[in-house]
Amino acid sequence: MVKLISSLCSFIFLIPNLVHAADFCIDVNSKKGWQGMTLPDGNIRRVSYAGSWSVISGMYKPVGPRGYSGADAKKLGPLYGYKFDQSYSFGEMLVRDQTGRIVPFAEFAALAVNTPDPAGNYAFRINDVDLALWDNAGAIRVCISM
């Protein structure tokens, strides 16, 4: 009986090594352009984020990866020429996949868990042109659990 319990305990301690999940994280800085991450073969279980950033630091409150909406978005409206991609909100996190396709972070996060083979290079950035990055502040940490 003692030998059986000992064997079971040994097996239980091995389980975490057999089922090994990995987190791949990147701190996406609002003052930099495209910032890259490489993902290995496997399945994405979860995409998460933490932190916030702002465009024109001190004038606009920090936001998450969905960028500005409401009154702040309206005030930023006349500056639309400073958006990296006109299709998305100021301050929104953009993701470029290995094919060069650019999508907002929310779409990337929703689709990533259903991607059969996510291996490859990805890049992340704030939706603000390179010329206007100097007055931004903050960073958003993106973690992909596989």
Protein backbone atom coordinates (compact mmCIF):
# COMPACT_ATOMS: atom_id res chain seq x y z
CA MET A 1 0.00 0.00 0.00
CA VAL A 2 2.83 2.40 0.86
CA LYS A 3 4.48 1.59 -2.47
CA LEU A 4 1.20 2.32 -4.33
CA ILE A 5 0.80 5.69 -2.59
CA SER A 6 4.44 6.52 -3.31
CA SER A 7 3.97 5.65 -6.99
CA LEU A 8 0.79 7.75 -7.23
CA CYS A 9 2.52 10.72 -5.60
CA SER A 10 5.41 10.45 -8.06
CA PHE A 11 2.94 10.36 -10.96
CA ILE A 12 1.01 13.39 -9.69
CA PHE A 13 4.21 15.44 -9.45
CA LEU A 14 5.04 14.57 -13.05
CA ILE A 15 1.72 15.82 -14.44
CA PRO A 16 2.69 19.52 -14.48
CA ASN A 17 5.76 18.63 -16.55
CA LEU A 18 3.67 16.67 -19.02
CA VAL A 19 1.06 19.40 -19.50
CA HIS A 20 3.28 22.43 -19.91
CA ALA A 21 1.61 25.71 -20.81
CA ALA A 22 3.68 28.70 -21.78
CA ASP A 23 2.98 32.40 -21.71
CA PHE A 24 4.49 34.62 -24.37
CA CYS A 25 4.37 38.27 -23.32
CA ILE A 26 5.39 41.60 -24.80
CA ASP A 27 5.26 45.10 -23.35
CA VAL A 28 3.97 47.25 -26.20
CA ASN A 29 5.35 50.75 -25.63
CA SER A 30 3.26 53.69 -26.89
CA LYS A 31 6.42 55.60 -27.89
CA LYS A 32 7.58 52.94 -30.37
CA GLY A 33 6.34 51.74 -33.74
CA TRP A 34 5.86 48.05 -34.55
CA GLN A 35 7.13 45.75 -31.80
CA GLY A 36 7.52 42.06 -32.60
CA MET A 37 6.75 38.72 -30.97
CA THR A 38 7.28 35.22 -32.34
CA LEU A 39 4.87 32.43 -31.43
CA PRO A 40 5.74 28.73 -31.70
CA ASP A 41 3.57 25.90 -32.99
CA GLY A 42 0.67 25.08 -30.70
CA ASN A 43 -2.77 26.24 -29.74
CA ILE A 44 -3.53 29.61 -28.22
CA ARG A 45 -5.58 29.12 -25.07
CA ARG A 46 -5.96 32.74 -24.02
CA VAL A 47 -4.97 36.28 -24.93
CA SER A 48 -4.84 38.87 -22.16
CA TYR A 49 -3.58 42.38 -21.52
CA ALA A 50 -2.74 44.74 -18.67
CA GLY A 51 -1.86 48.40 -18.57
CA SER A 52 -2.84 51.51 -20.47
CA TRP A 53 -1.45 54.26 -22.64
CA SER A 54 -2.34 57.67 -23.97
CA VAL A 55 -1.77 59.83 -27.01
CA ILE A 56 -0.72 63.41 -26.26
CA SER A 57 0.19 62.61 -22.67
CA GLY A 58 -1.34 64.96 -20.13
CA MET A 59 -4.18 66.00 -22.42
CA TYR A 60 -5.98 62.66 -22.73
CA LYS A 61 -6.61 60.00 -20.10
CA PRO A 62 -4.91 56.63 -20.50
CA VAL A 63 -6.94 53.94 -22.29
CA GLY A 64 -6.69 50.20 -22.91
CA PRO A 65 -6.19 48.47 -26.27
CA ARG A 66 -9.58 49.57 -27.65
CA GLY A 67 -8.39 53.18 -27.75
CA TYR A 68 -10.41 56.36 -27.38
CA SER A 69 -14.18 56.66 -27.58
CA GLY A 70 -16.80 59.21 -26.58
CA ALA A 71 -15.79 62.81 -25.85
CA ASP A 72 -12.04 62.15 -26.08
CA ALA A 73 -12.42 60.53 -29.50
CA LYS A 74 -14.47 63.50 -30.66
CA LYS A 75 -11.80 65.96 -29.45
CA LEU A 76 -9.11 63.93 -31.23
CA GLY A 77 -11.18 63.89 -34.45
CA PRO A 78 -9.46 66.83 -36.18
CA LEU A 79 -6.11 65.07 -35.72
CA TYR A 80 -7.23 62.05 -37.80
CA GLY A 81 -4.21 62.45 -40.08
CA TYR A 82 -2.02 61.27 -37.20
CA LYS A 83 -3.68 57.86 -37.03
CA PHE A 84 -1.55 55.02 -38.37
CA ASP A 85 -4.72 53.37 -39.73
CA GLN A 86 -7.80 55.53 -40.35
CA SER A 87 -10.11 52.52 -39.93
CA TYR A 88 -9.51 52.31 -36.19
CA SER A 89 -9.68 54.55 -33.12
CA PHE A 90 -6.87 56.75 -31.88
CA GLY A 91 -4.89 54.83 -29.28
CA GLU A 92 -6.24 51.46 -30.38
CA MET A 93 -3.72 48.62 -30.38
CA LEU A 94 -3.05 47.29 -33.85
CA VAL A 95 -1.73 43.79 -34.58
CA ARG A 96 0.05 42.76 -37.78
CA ASP A 97 0.24 39.04 -38.50
CA GLN A 98 2.80 37.12 -40.56
CA THR A 99 0.85 37.80 -43.78
CA GLY A 100 0.98 41.56 -43.20
CA ARG A 101 -2.73 41.85 -42.37
CA ILE A 102 -3.47 44.51 -39.72
CA VAL A 103 -6.38 44.11 -37.31
CA PRO A 104 -7.32 45.73 -34.01
CA PHE A 105 -6.23 43.91 -30.86
CA ALA A 106 -9.81 42.96 -29.91
CA GLU A 107 -10.28 41.15 -33.23
CA PHE A 108 -6.88 39.47 -32.93
CA ALA A 109 -7.70 38.26 -29.40
CA ALA A 110 -11.08 36.87 -30.48
CA LEU A 111 -9.72 35.07 -33.54
CA ALA A 112 -6.43 33.83 -32.06
CA VAL A 113 -7.95 31.06 -29.96
CA ASN A 114 -9.57 29.59 -33.10
CA THR A 115 -6.46 29.77 -35.28
CA PRO A 116 -5.33 26.23 -36.14
CA ASP A 117 -1.65 27.17 -36.57
CA PRO A 118 -0.73 30.51 -35.00
CA ALA A 119 3.04 29.99 -35.27
CA GLY A 120 4.84 32.97 -36.73
CA ASN A 121 5.79 36.58 -36.26
CA TYR A 122 3.35 39.17 -34.97
CA ALA A 123 3.82 42.89 -34.36
CA PHE A 124 1.92 45.28 -32.10
CA ARG A 125 1.65 49.08 -31.94
CA ILE A 126 -0.52 52.01 -30.90
CA ASN A 127 -2.67 53.55 -33.66
CA ASP A 128 -0.60 56.70 -33.99
CA VAL A 129 1.87 57.56 -36.78
CA ASP A 130 5.59 57.32 -36.04
CA LEU A 131 5.98 61.11 -36.24
CA ALA A 132 3.51 61.55 -33.34
CA LEU A 133 4.78 58.84 -30.96
CA TRP A 134 7.03 61.20 -28.96
CA ASP A 135 4.17 62.69 -26.91
CA ASN A 136 2.56 59.37 -25.97
CA ALA A 137 2.86 57.73 -22.56
CA GLY A 138 2.42 54.23 -21.16
CA ALA A 139 2.55 50.63 -22.29
CA ILE A 140 0.21 47.67 -22.55
CA ARG A 141 1.47 44.18 -21.70
CA VAL A 142 0.05 41.49 -23.98
CA CYS A 143 0.29 37.84 -22.93
CA ILE A 144 -0.59 34.86 -25.09
CA SER A 145 -1.02 31.56 -23.26
CA MET A 146 -0.33 28.43 -25.26
